Amino acid sequence: MSFFAIFKKNLIGKGGTKDAPTPNGLEGRIGYEFKNKALLREALTHPSLDHRISNERHNQRLEFLGDSILGCIIAKWLFLKYPDVTEGDLSRKKSLLAHGKHLAELGKHISLYQYLMVGKSEKISSGNFRPSVLEDAFEALIGAIYLDSDYQSVEHIVLQWEETFCKTIENKSMGFNPKGQLQEFLQSLPDNPPISYRMIKQYGPDHRKQFEVEVLVASEKISTGKGNSKKKAEEVAAQSALLLLQQTKK
């Protein structure tokens, strides 16, 4: 069975199989035409699709690559965009932009859900609209573009959403809560491990006091953070722990 036949068979969404959009439409949306169409097919193939029937590679390896490429592009953009911002604030902004919810929104923006090939169970549950599926597929698409071209090309593609990056930072920076997000992440795990913070030390003169805190999950030290207040140190520690645990989960 050809890719396009499989694609139409597994498509979920308005229009049905007769009017199903083809991946060519996605290329138009992102402004990039693949030289190697197999990479595009791989990026759009969810692991739930039975490869024994479809003979298609799923997108998890490309997701792994795209995650790193996106991280590098976002870090460079932030470094140049905010020359006077501290390392901690840059990390906070990067976390916002590389967060699954934001990447899923970008995937939704380019109607990525229309082009995904998913298995029967995902089809029944409309899994192609699920944020985690969109996030993974978006990262896989970035990885595919990188392999099909070069770093400069994929950077150009990603930065066409620069305005969205700025709006995300503007809208969410004030409400960003690393401790709350870490708590939510841990609550999403099957064992819901307990979390605690412990002061390691404080030093410096009274007018420039520095605090160092460690965060423990299930009594195990995960990361540490420093700041000019106990609250700030806890936030830095929580953000470091969140990034580490999210990467481990991948």
Protein backbone atom coordinates (compact mmCIF):
# COMPACT_ATOMS: atom_id res chain seq x y z
CA MET A 1 0.00 0.00 0.00
CA SER A 2 1.40 3.41 -0.95
CA PHE A 3 2.11 6.14 1.59
CA PHE A 4 -0.71 8.35 0.31
CA ALA A 5 -3.17 5.44 0.47
CA ILE A 6 -2.13 4.74 4.08
CA PHE A 7 -2.25 8.44 4.85
CA LYS A 8 -5.81 8.84 3.62
CA LYS A 9 -6.91 5.65 5.37
CA ASN A 10 -5.56 6.82 8.71
CA LEU A 11 -6.41 10.50 8.50
CA ILE A 12 -8.75 11.82 11.16
CA GLY A 13 -10.59 15.04 10.71
CA LYS A 14 -12.99 17.09 8.73
CA GLY A 15 -13.36 16.26 5.08
CA GLY A 16 -12.97 12.46 5.37
CA THR A 17 -10.68 10.39 3.18
CA LYS A 18 -12.01 11.72 -0.08
CA ASP A 19 -10.87 15.27 0.59
CA ALA A 20 -7.92 14.41 2.81
CA PRO A 21 -5.01 16.87 2.50
CA THR A 22 -1.69 15.47 1.36
CA PRO A 23 1.73 16.23 2.92
CA ASN A 24 2.38 18.59 0.00
CA GLY A 25 -0.01 20.98 1.72
CA LEU A 26 2.08 20.84 4.88
CA GLU A 27 5.18 21.73 2.88
CA GLY A 28 3.34 24.82 1.67
CA ARG A 29 2.36 25.76 5.22
CA ILE A 30 5.92 25.63 6.56
CA GLY A 31 7.52 27.05 3.42
CA TYR A 32 9.82 24.10 2.81
CA GLU A 33 9.78 21.40 0.12
CA PHE A 34 11.46 18.15 1.04
CA LYS A 35 14.02 16.66 -1.30
CA ASN A 36 13.75 13.33 0.50
CA LYS A 37 10.03 12.66 0.93
CA ALA A 38 10.77 9.59 3.05
CA LEU A 39 11.92 11.91 5.85
CA LEU A 40 8.62 13.78 5.71
CA ARG A 41 6.71 10.48 5.82
CA GLU A 42 8.73 9.37 8.83
CA ALA A 43 8.09 12.64 10.67
CA LEU A 44 4.34 12.26 10.15
CA THR A 45 4.14 8.62 11.22
CA HIS A 46 3.00 8.11 14.81
CA PRO A 47 4.37 5.04 16.67
CA SER A 48 0.81 3.69 16.96
CA LEU A 49 0.73 2.94 13.22
CA ASP A 50 1.39 -0.79 12.64
CA HIS A 51 4.67 -0.76 10.71
CA ARG A 52 4.16 -4.40 9.73
CA ILE A 53 1.24 -3.26 7.58
CA SER A 54 2.37 0.21 6.60
CA ASN A 55 6.10 -0.53 6.24
CA GLU A 56 6.71 3.02 7.51
CA ARG A 57 9.26 4.15 10.12
CA HIS A 58 7.70 6.02 13.04
CA ASN A 59 8.86 9.45 14.18
CA GLN A 60 10.40 8.88 17.62
CA ARG A 61 14.03 9.02 16.47
CA LEU A 62 13.36 12.22 14.52
CA GLU A 63 11.61 13.61 17.61
CA PHE A 64 14.79 13.04 19.62
CA LEU A 65 16.86 14.90 17.03
CA GLY A 66 14.35 17.71 16.54
CA ASP A 67 14.17 18.35 20.28
CA SER A 68 17.91 19.09 20.37
CA ILE A 69 17.84 21.19 17.19
CA LEU A 70 14.95 23.28 18.50
CA GLY A 71 16.72 23.76 21.82
CA CYS A 72 19.82 25.08 20.08
CA ILE A 73 17.86 27.43 17.80
CA ILE A 74 15.77 28.80 20.65
CA ALA A 75 18.81 29.26 22.90
CA LYS A 76 20.70 31.19 20.20
CA TRP A 77 17.65 33.34 19.41
CA LEU A 78 17.14 34.22 23.07
CA PHE A 79 20.84 34.96 23.57
CA LEU A 80 20.81 37.47 20.70
CA LYS A 81 17.30 38.83 21.36
CA TYR A 82 17.90 39.59 25.05
CA PRO A 83 21.56 40.69 25.42
CA ASP A 84 21.08 42.09 28.94
CA VAL A 85 19.13 39.17 30.42
CA THR A 86 20.75 36.88 33.01
CA GLU A 87 21.40 33.18 32.49
CA GLY A 88 18.54 32.27 34.82
CA ASP A 89 16.04 34.42 32.93
CA LEU A 90 17.26 33.04 29.61
CA SER A 91 16.69 29.52 30.92
CA ARG A 92 13.21 30.48 32.08
CA LYS A 93 12.32 31.90 28.67
CA LYS A 94 13.78 28.86 26.92
CA SER A 95 11.67 26.61 29.10
CA LEU A 96 8.56 28.53 28.04
CA LEU A 97 9.35 28.21 24.34
CA ALA A 98 10.52 24.60 24.45
CA HIS A 99 7.60 23.54 26.63
CA GLY A 100 5.34 20.86 25.19
CA LYS A 101 2.28 23.10 25.30
CA HIS A 102 3.96 25.79 23.19
CA LEU A 103 5.29 23.29 20.65
CA ALA A 104 1.85 21.70 20.42
CA GLU A 105 0.40 25.14 19.69
CA LEU A 106 2.90 25.60 16.88
CA GLY A 107 1.92 22.18 15.54
CA LYS A 108 -1.72 23.21 15.72
CA HIS A 109 -0.90 26.51 13.99
CA ILE A 110 0.36 24.66 10.91
CA SER A 111 -2.55 22.15 11.10
CA LEU A 112 -0.14 19.31 11.70
CA TYR A 113 -2.98 17.14 12.99
CA GLN A 114 -4.39 16.96 9.45
CA TYR A 115 -1.30 15.21 8.11
CA LEU A 116 -0.44 12.69 10.82
CA MET A 117 -0.67 8.96 10.21
CA VAL A 118 -1.87 7.20 13.35
CA GLY A 119 -2.95 3.72 14.34
CA LYS A 120 -6.48 2.47 14.83
CA SER A 121 -6.66 3.17 18.57
CA GLU A 122 -5.35 6.72 18.14
CA LYS A 123 -7.77 7.23 15.26
CA ILE A 124 -10.73 6.23 17.41
CA SER A 125 -9.66 8.54 20.26
CA SER A 126 -8.74 11.47 17.95
CA GLY A 127 -5.18 11.14 19.16
CA ASN A 128 -3.82 13.34 16.39
CA PHE A 129 -5.30 16.33 18.23
CA ARG A 130 -3.65 15.44 21.54
CA PRO A 131 -1.02 18.03 22.59
CA SER A 132 1.66 15.42 23.34
CA VAL A 133 1.22 13.89 19.88
CA LEU A 134 1.41 17.31 18.21
CA GLU A 135 4.48 18.24 20.25
CA ASP A 136 6.31 15.04 19.28
CA ALA A 137 5.34 15.39 15.62
CA PHE A 138 6.46 19.02 15.51
CA GLU A 139 9.87 18.09 16.93
CA ALA A 140 10.10 15.21 14.45
CA LEU A 141 9.29 17.57 11.59
CA ILE A 142 12.11 19.90 12.66
CA GLY A 143 14.49 16.94 12.82
CA ALA A 144 13.42 15.84 9.35
CA ILE A 145 13.97 19.31 7.87
CA TYR A 146 17.44 19.42 9.43
CA LEU A 147 18.43 16.08 7.90
CA ASP A 148 16.98 17.10 4.55
CA SER A 149 18.84 20.43 4.46
CA ASP A 150 21.20 22.02 7.01
CA TYR A 151 21.20 23.98 10.25
CA GLN A 152 20.80 27.38 8.58
CA SER A 153 17.76 26.23 6.63
CA VAL A 154 15.95 24.75 9.61
CA GLU A 155 16.82 27.81 11.70
CA HIS A 156 15.21 29.99 9.03
CA ILE A 157 12.07 27.83 9.10
CA VAL A 158 11.79 27.92 12.90
CA LEU A 159 12.36 31.67 13.16
CA GLN A 160 9.43 32.41 10.89
CA TRP A 161 7.46 31.96 14.14
CA GLU A 162 9.54 34.58 15.96
CA GLU A 163 6.48 36.74 16.55
CA THR A 164 4.79 33.80 18.26
CA PHE A 165 7.87 33.33 20.44
CA CYS A 166 7.72 36.95 21.57
CA LYS A 167 4.00 36.76 22.34
CA THR A 168 4.47 33.55 24.33
CA ILE A 169 7.19 35.15 26.44
CA GLU A 170 5.18 38.33 26.93
CA ASN A 171 1.96 36.51 27.86
CA LYS A 172 3.41 33.79 30.07
CA SER A 173 6.57 35.14 31.66
CA MET A 174 4.73 36.93 34.44
CA GLY A 175 2.74 33.86 35.32
CA PHE A 176 5.58 31.36 35.00
CA ASN A 177 5.72 29.21 38.12
CA PRO A 178 8.55 26.64 38.07
CA LYS A 179 7.60 25.15 41.45
CA GLY A 180 3.99 24.76 40.38
CA GLN A 181 4.95 23.25 37.03
CA LEU A 182 7.31 20.79 38.71
CA GLN A 183 4.52 19.80 41.09
CA GLU A 184 2.12 19.29 38.16
CA PHE A 185 4.70 17.20 36.31
CA LEU A 186 5.27 14.94 39.31
CA GLN A 187 1.54 14.56 39.88
CA SER A 188 1.22 13.30 36.31
CA LEU A 189 3.56 10.39 37.10
CA PRO A 190 2.03 7.05 38.17
CA ASP A 191 3.66 7.05 41.62
CA ASN A 192 3.18 10.81 42.22
CA PRO A 193 6.48 11.12 44.18
CA PRO A 194 6.67 13.70 47.01
CA ILE A 195 8.76 16.83 46.58
CA SER A 196 10.61 18.95 49.13
CA TYR A 197 13.12 21.81 49.25
CA ARG A 198 16.05 22.08 51.63
CA MET A 199 18.31 25.03 52.34
CA ILE A 200 21.96 24.10 51.82
CA LYS A 201 23.59 27.38 52.77
CA GLN A 202 23.40 31.15 52.69
CA TYR A 203 26.31 33.47 52.36
CA GLY A 204 27.38 37.02 51.56
CA PRO A 205 26.77 40.39 53.27
CA ASP A 206 23.25 41.26 54.40
CA HIS A 207 22.65 43.60 51.48
CA ARG A 208 23.78 40.96 48.97
CA LYS A 209 22.73 37.75 50.63
CA GLN A 210 22.79 34.60 48.45
CA PHE A 211 20.87 31.42 49.10
CA GLU A 212 21.46 27.88 47.83
CA VAL A 213 18.65 25.34 47.90
CA GLU A 214 18.31 21.75 46.75
CA VAL A 215 15.14 20.08 45.55
CA LEU A 216 14.42 16.48 46.51
CA VAL A 217 11.97 14.14 44.81
CA ALA A 218 11.08 11.03 46.79
CA SER A 219 13.92 12.02 49.17
CA GLU A 220 16.44 11.95 46.29
CA LYS A 221 18.40 15.09 45.42
CA ILE A 222 17.61 16.15 41.86
CA SER A 223 19.12 19.62 41.46
CA THR A 224 20.18 22.79 43.23
CA GLY A 225 19.50 26.47 42.71
CA LYS A 226 20.97 29.78 43.82
CA GLY A 227 19.32 33.17 44.19
CA ASN A 228 19.20 36.40 46.14
CA SER A 229 16.23 35.05 48.12
CA LYS A 230 15.12 31.64 49.32
CA LYS A 231 12.11 31.80 47.00
CA LYS A 232 14.27 32.62 43.97
CA ALA A 233 16.70 29.82 44.79
CA GLU A 234 13.80 27.35 45.07
CA GLU A 235 12.42 28.49 41.70
CA VAL A 236 15.81 28.03 40.02
CA ALA A 237 16.17 24.58 41.59
CA ALA A 238 12.64 23.62 40.55
CA GLN A 239 13.23 24.72 36.96
CA SER A 240 16.46 22.75 36.72
CA ALA A 241 14.72 19.69 38.16
CA LEU A 242 11.79 20.06 35.75
CA LEU A 243 14.04 20.27 32.68
CA LEU A 244 16.08 17.29 33.86
CA LEU A 245 13.06 15.11 34.60
CA GLN A 246 11.35 16.03 31.32
CA GLN A 247 14.44 15.03 29.38
CA THR A 248 14.69 11.79 31.34
CA LYS A 249 11.07 10.98 30.60
CA LYS A 250 11.71 11.38 26.87
